[in-house]
Amino acid sequence: MSEKICIKCGNKVDSSVNFCPRCKSQSFKNVNELVKPKGNIIHKLFYTYKDSYFVLSKSKLLAIITFIIFAVSFLQFSVPIIFAIIIAFLIYVIGFSL
């Protein structure tokens, strides 16, 4: 049984109905329909656009985690933060190329 959601009221209905029983609207979207999200900072940092949908980018995630780990360790030893940026960028490029 597949379902769809009424755009007007948000009610879940069976995919075989032609109008919403609650608000009589005929505008629906599928439950599993992929919607392109707005270009907010979360999607730019963690996701990559691939074949009309967004996928969690493992290379970006690993680069961000690497940057945080090295930035914290470099702050304790008073080494410039530019090294953390360079290492994170190298991790991203290696992950992206694989």
C-alpha atoms as a PDB file:
ATOM      1  CA  MET A   1       0.000   0.000   0.000  1.00  0.00           C
ATOM      2  CA  SER A   2       1.534   3.256  -1.046  1.00  0.00           C
ATOM      3  CA  GLU A   3       0.565   6.564   0.438  1.00  0.00           C
ATOM      4  CA  LYS A   4       0.624  10.177  -0.568  1.00  0.00           C
ATOM      5  CA  ILE A   5       0.379  13.357   1.457  1.00  0.00           C
ATOM      6  CA  CYS A   6      -2.062  16.204   0.906  1.00  0.00           C
ATOM      7  CA  ILE A   7      -0.126  19.392   0.256  1.00  0.00           C
ATOM      8  CA  LYS A   8      -2.842  21.601   1.743  1.00  0.00           C
ATOM      9  CA  CYS A   9      -3.489  19.896   5.117  1.00  0.00           C
ATOM     10  CA  GLY A  10      -0.675  17.308   5.409  1.00  0.00           C
ATOM     11  CA  ASN A  11      -3.067  14.354   5.782  1.00  0.00           C
ATOM     12  CA  LYS A  12      -1.734  10.938   4.666  1.00  0.00           C
ATOM     13  CA  VAL A  13      -4.109   9.205   2.271  1.00  0.00           C
ATOM     14  CA  ASP A  14      -4.051   6.090   0.104  1.00  0.00           C
ATOM     15  CA  SER A  15      -2.505   6.568  -3.321  1.00  0.00           C
ATOM     16  CA  SER A  16      -5.721   5.439  -5.054  1.00  0.00           C
ATOM     17  CA  VAL A  17      -7.872   8.390  -3.881  1.00  0.00           C
ATOM     18  CA  ASN A  18      -8.324  11.448  -6.077  1.00  0.00           C
ATOM     19  CA  PHE A  19      -9.057  14.008  -3.356  1.00  0.00           C
ATOM     20  CA  CYS A  20      -8.282  14.470   0.326  1.00  0.00           C
ATOM     21  CA  PRO A  21     -11.175  13.384   2.570  1.00  0.00           C
ATOM     22  CA  ARG A  22     -10.334  16.081   5.113  1.00  0.00           C
ATOM     23  CA  CYS A  23      -9.976  19.224   2.962  1.00  0.00           C
ATOM     24  CA  LYS A  24     -11.144  18.038  -0.498  1.00  0.00           C
ATOM     25  CA  SER A  25      -7.869  19.161  -2.103  1.00  0.00           C
ATOM     26  CA  GLN A  26      -6.537  17.417  -5.185  1.00  0.00           C
ATOM     27  CA  SER A  27      -2.890  18.413  -4.667  1.00  0.00           C
ATOM     28  CA  PHE A  28      -0.698  15.596  -3.380  1.00  0.00           C
ATOM     29  CA  LYS A  29       2.937  14.619  -3.100  1.00  0.00           C
ATOM     30  CA  ASN A  30       4.261  11.098  -2.751  1.00  0.00           C
ATOM     31  CA  VAL A  31       5.614   9.998   0.610  1.00  0.00           C
ATOM     32  CA  ASN A  32       8.928   8.899  -0.900  1.00  0.00           C
ATOM     33  CA  GLU A  33       9.218  11.838  -3.265  1.00  0.00           C
ATOM     34  CA  LEU A  34      12.620  13.484  -3.208  1.00  0.00           C
ATOM     35  CA  VAL A  35      12.418  17.226  -2.822  1.00  0.00           C
ATOM     36  CA  LYS A  36      15.383  19.398  -3.615  1.00  0.00           C
ATOM     37  CA  PRO A  37      16.081  21.238  -0.368  1.00  0.00           C
ATOM     38  CA  LYS A  38      17.054  24.838  -0.133  1.00  0.00           C
ATOM     39  CA  GLY A  39      20.755  25.555  -0.421  1.00  0.00           C
ATOM     40  CA  ASN A  40      21.365  25.997   3.289  1.00  0.00           C
ATOM     41  CA  ILE A  41      24.721  25.589   4.980  1.00  0.00           C
ATOM     42  CA  ILE A  42      24.026  22.043   6.222  1.00  0.00           C
ATOM     43  CA  HIS A  43      23.462  20.718   2.709  1.00  0.00           C
ATOM     44  CA  LYS A  44      26.482  22.539   1.370  1.00  0.00           C
ATOM     45  CA  LEU A  45      28.725  21.137   4.109  1.00  0.00           C
ATOM     46  CA  PHE A  46      27.578  17.525   4.319  1.00  0.00           C
ATOM     47  CA  TYR A  47      25.848  16.601   1.041  1.00  0.00           C
ATOM     48  CA  THR A  48      26.715  16.461  -2.632  1.00  0.00           C
ATOM     49  CA  TYR A  49      24.263  16.677  -5.526  1.00  0.00           C
ATOM     50  CA  LYS A  50      24.376  13.531  -7.644  1.00  0.00           C
ATOM     51  CA  ASP A  51      21.930  12.519 -10.406  1.00  0.00           C
ATOM     52  CA  SER A  52      19.032  14.764  -9.275  1.00  0.00           C
ATOM     53  CA  TYR A  53      19.252  13.901  -5.573  1.00  0.00           C
ATOM     54  CA  PHE A  54      21.448  14.666  -2.576  1.00  0.00           C
ATOM     55  CA  VAL A  55      23.834  12.096  -1.080  1.00  0.00           C
ATOM     56  CA  LEU A  56      25.784  12.294   2.158  1.00  0.00           C
ATOM     57  CA  SER A  57      29.353  13.095   1.122  1.00  0.00           C
ATOM     58  CA  LYS A  58      31.714  10.860   3.050  1.00  0.00           C
ATOM     59  CA  SER A  59      34.757  12.809   1.925  1.00  0.00           C
ATOM     60  CA  LYS A  60      33.308  16.113   3.151  1.00  0.00           C
ATOM     61  CA  LEU A  61      32.280  14.549   6.455  1.00  0.00           C
ATOM     62  CA  LEU A  62      35.717  13.018   6.968  1.00  0.00           C
ATOM     63  CA  ALA A  63      37.421  16.325   6.086  1.00  0.00           C
ATOM     64  CA  ILE A  64      35.279  18.231   8.606  1.00  0.00           C
ATOM     65  CA  ILE A  65      35.974  15.685  11.346  1.00  0.00           C
ATOM     66  CA  THR A  66      39.699  15.779  10.522  1.00  0.00           C
ATOM     67  CA  PHE A  67      39.700  19.575  10.638  1.00  0.00           C
ATOM     68  CA  ILE A  68      37.997  19.614  14.041  1.00  0.00           C
ATOM     69  CA  ILE A  69      40.392  17.039  15.496  1.00  0.00           C
ATOM     70  CA  PHE A  70      43.512  18.763  14.184  1.00  0.00           C
ATOM     71  CA  ALA A  71      42.255  22.251  15.045  1.00  0.00           C
ATOM     72  CA  VAL A  72      41.678  21.246  18.656  1.00  0.00           C
ATOM     73  CA  SER A  73      45.048  19.515  18.901  1.00  0.00           C
ATOM     74  CA  PHE A  74      46.835  22.424  17.222  1.00  0.00           C
ATOM     75  CA  LEU A  75      45.244  24.917  19.593  1.00  0.00           C
ATOM     76  CA  GLN A  76      46.739  23.029  22.534  1.00  0.00           C
ATOM     77  CA  PHE A  77      50.227  23.154  21.022  1.00  0.00           C
ATOM     78  CA  SER A  78      49.946  26.722  19.637  1.00  0.00           C
ATOM     79  CA  VAL A  79      50.594  25.682  16.028  1.00  0.00           C
ATOM     80  CA  PRO A  80      48.939  27.769  13.282  1.00  0.00           C
ATOM     81  CA  ILE A  81      45.464  26.602  12.255  1.00  0.00           C
ATOM     82  CA  ILE A  82      46.475  26.664   8.589  1.00  0.00           C
ATOM     83  CA  PHE A  83      47.950  23.171   9.017  1.00  0.00           C
ATOM     84  CA  ALA A  84      44.535  21.826  10.038  1.00  0.00           C
ATOM     85  CA  ILE A  85      43.002  23.425   6.946  1.00  0.00           C
ATOM     86  CA  ILE A  86      45.665  21.950   4.652  1.00  0.00           C
ATOM     87  CA  ILE A  87      45.327  18.448   6.124  1.00  0.00           C
ATOM     88  CA  ALA A  88      41.513  18.572   5.934  1.00  0.00           C
ATOM     89  CA  PHE A  89      41.701  19.734   2.317  1.00  0.00           C
ATOM     90  CA  LEU A  90      44.069  16.888   1.448  1.00  0.00           C
ATOM     91  CA  ILE A  91      41.703  14.382   3.101  1.00  0.00           C
ATOM     92  CA  TYR A  92      38.802  15.825   1.097  1.00  0.00           C
ATOM     93  CA  VAL A  93      40.687  15.646  -2.207  1.00  0.00           C
ATOM     94  CA  ILE A  94      41.799  12.056  -1.573  1.00  0.00           C
ATOM     95  CA  GLY A  95      38.277  11.019  -0.571  1.00  0.00           C
ATOM     96  CA  PHE A  96      36.738  12.819  -3.541  1.00  0.00           C
ATOM     97  CA  SER A  97      39.143  11.199  -5.986  1.00  0.00           C
ATOM     98  CA  LEU A  98      38.401   7.712  -4.670  1.00  0.00           C
END
